[in-house]
C-alpha atoms as a PDB file:
ATOM      1  CA  MET A   1     -28.697   6.284 -78.105  1.00  0.00           C
ATOM      2  CA  LYS A   2     -28.223   7.564 -74.553  1.00  0.00           C
ATOM      3  CA  ALA A   3     -30.011   5.970 -71.644  1.00  0.00           C
ATOM      4  CA  ASN A   4     -31.861   8.522 -69.544  1.00  0.00           C
ATOM      5  CA  ASN A   5     -31.025   7.371 -66.008  1.00  0.00           C
ATOM      6  CA  ALA A   6     -30.902  10.850 -64.482  1.00  0.00           C
ATOM      7  CA  GLU A   7     -33.874  12.374 -62.741  1.00  0.00           C
ATOM      8  CA  THR A   8     -35.398  15.489 -64.188  1.00  0.00           C
ATOM      9  CA  PRO A   9     -34.202  18.675 -62.475  1.00  0.00           C
ATOM     10  CA  ASP A  10     -37.693  19.478 -61.194  1.00  0.00           C
ATOM     11  CA  SER A  11     -38.248  16.107 -59.518  1.00  0.00           C
ATOM     12  CA  SER A  12     -34.737  16.142 -58.063  1.00  0.00           C
ATOM     13  CA  ASN A  13     -35.265  19.645 -56.719  1.00  0.00           C
ATOM     14  CA  ALA A  14     -38.611  18.695 -55.181  1.00  0.00           C
ATOM     15  CA  ALA A  15     -37.102  15.591 -53.602  1.00  0.00           C
ATOM     16  CA  ASP A  16     -34.178  17.605 -52.241  1.00  0.00           C
ATOM     17  CA  THR A  17     -36.551  20.204 -50.817  1.00  0.00           C
ATOM     18  CA  PHE A  18     -38.557  17.488 -49.074  1.00  0.00           C
ATOM     19  CA  LYS A  19     -35.359  15.952 -47.690  1.00  0.00           C
ATOM     20  CA  TRP A  20     -34.123  19.312 -46.376  1.00  0.00           C
ATOM     21  CA  VAL A  21     -37.473  19.918 -44.679  1.00  0.00           C
ATOM     22  CA  ALA A  22     -37.340  16.426 -43.151  1.00  0.00           C
ATOM     23  CA  ALA A  23     -33.784  17.024 -41.908  1.00  0.00           C
ATOM     24  CA  PHE A  24     -34.823  20.340 -40.360  1.00  0.00           C
ATOM     25  CA  VAL A  25     -37.854  18.729 -38.691  1.00  0.00           C
ATOM     26  CA  LEU A  26     -35.684  15.960 -37.227  1.00  0.00           C
ATOM     27  CA  ALA A  27     -33.171  18.487 -35.874  1.00  0.00           C
ATOM     28  CA  ALA A  28     -35.971  20.639 -34.456  1.00  0.00           C
ATOM     29  CA  ALA A  29     -37.524  17.548 -32.853  1.00  0.00           C
ATOM     30  CA  ALA A  30     -34.210  16.910 -31.101  1.00  0.00           C
ATOM     31  CA  VAL A  31     -34.163  20.416 -29.634  1.00  0.00           C
ATOM     32  CA  VAL A  32     -37.857  20.497 -28.693  1.00  0.00           C
ATOM     33  CA  GLY A  33     -37.783  16.955 -27.313  1.00  0.00           C
ATOM     34  CA  ASN A  34     -34.766  17.768 -25.175  1.00  0.00           C
ATOM     35  CA  TYR A  35     -36.628  20.766 -23.775  1.00  0.00           C
ATOM     36  CA  LEU A  36     -39.965  19.013 -23.219  1.00  0.00           C
ATOM     37  CA  TYR A  37     -38.457  15.952 -21.562  1.00  0.00           C
ATOM     38  CA  GLY A  38     -36.215  17.915 -19.214  1.00  0.00           C
ATOM     39  CA  GLU A  39     -37.287  15.766 -16.258  1.00  0.00           C
ATOM     40  CA  MET A  40     -35.875  12.608 -17.866  1.00  0.00           C
ATOM     41  CA  SER A  41     -32.347  11.350 -17.371  1.00  0.00           C
ATOM     42  CA  VAL A  42     -29.648  13.339 -19.136  1.00  0.00           C
ATOM     43  CA  VAL A  43     -28.308  10.119 -20.658  1.00  0.00           C
ATOM     44  CA  VAL A  44     -31.675   9.275 -22.239  1.00  0.00           C
ATOM     45  CA  ARG A  45     -32.120  12.803 -23.566  1.00  0.00           C
ATOM     46  CA  ALA A  46     -28.580  12.902 -24.935  1.00  0.00           C
ATOM     47  CA  ALA A  47     -29.107   9.559 -26.666  1.00  0.00           C
ATOM     48  CA  GLY A  48     -32.315  10.865 -28.221  1.00  0.00           C
ATOM     49  CA  VAL A  49     -30.591  14.017 -29.438  1.00  0.00           C
ATOM     50  CA  VAL A  50     -27.705  12.015 -30.912  1.00  0.00           C
ATOM     51  CA  VAL A  51     -30.082   9.649 -32.731  1.00  0.00           C
ATOM     52  CA  LEU A  52     -32.236  12.456 -34.140  1.00  0.00           C
ATOM     53  CA  ILE A  53     -29.280  14.590 -35.223  1.00  0.00           C
ATOM     54  CA  ALA A  54     -27.654  11.545 -36.852  1.00  0.00           C
ATOM     55  CA  ALA A  55     -30.912  10.858 -38.693  1.00  0.00           C
ATOM     56  CA  ALA A  56     -31.106  14.503 -39.800  1.00  0.00           C
ATOM     57  CA  LEU A  57     -27.529  14.387 -41.072  1.00  0.00           C
ATOM     58  CA  GLY A  58     -28.231  11.099 -42.826  1.00  0.00           C
ATOM     59  CA  VAL A  59     -31.227  12.558 -44.623  1.00  0.00           C
ATOM     60  CA  ALA A  60     -29.313  15.727 -45.503  1.00  0.00           C
ATOM     61  CA  ALA A  61     -26.446  13.620 -46.862  1.00  0.00           C
ATOM     62  CA  THR A  62     -28.759  12.126 -49.487  1.00  0.00           C
ATOM     63  CA  THR A  63     -29.456  15.512 -51.072  1.00  0.00           C
ATOM     64  CA  THR A  64     -27.456  16.909 -53.970  1.00  0.00           C
ATOM     65  CA  LYS A  65     -25.706  19.470 -51.766  1.00  0.00           C
ATOM     66  CA  GLY A  66     -25.165  16.867 -49.053  1.00  0.00           C
ATOM     67  CA  LYS A  67     -23.462  14.516 -51.501  1.00  0.00           C
ATOM     68  CA  ALA A  68     -21.284  17.393 -52.698  1.00  0.00           C
ATOM     69  CA  ALA A  69     -20.315  18.205 -49.110  1.00  0.00           C
ATOM     70  CA  ILE A  70     -19.397  14.587 -48.432  1.00  0.00           C
ATOM     71  CA  SER A  71     -17.312  14.336 -51.590  1.00  0.00           C
ATOM     72  CA  PHE A  72     -15.554  17.599 -50.629  1.00  0.00           C
ATOM     73  CA  ALA A  73     -14.623  16.242 -47.191  1.00  0.00           C
END
């Protein structure tokens, strides 16, 4: 008898969609935040952009396509 450890395609697809939306929101927050906080130090804004983009890439890397991209590289 096989153990069913895999997620169903529908739940995996829904989770991946949510993760892609979250990654897009994080990346958009980096761009918008950089624009809105233009009066702050460049170093602080750059650090914020780096952190948010890294978080977006981290979330995207947990998706099915993200894992495939990592295994390809």
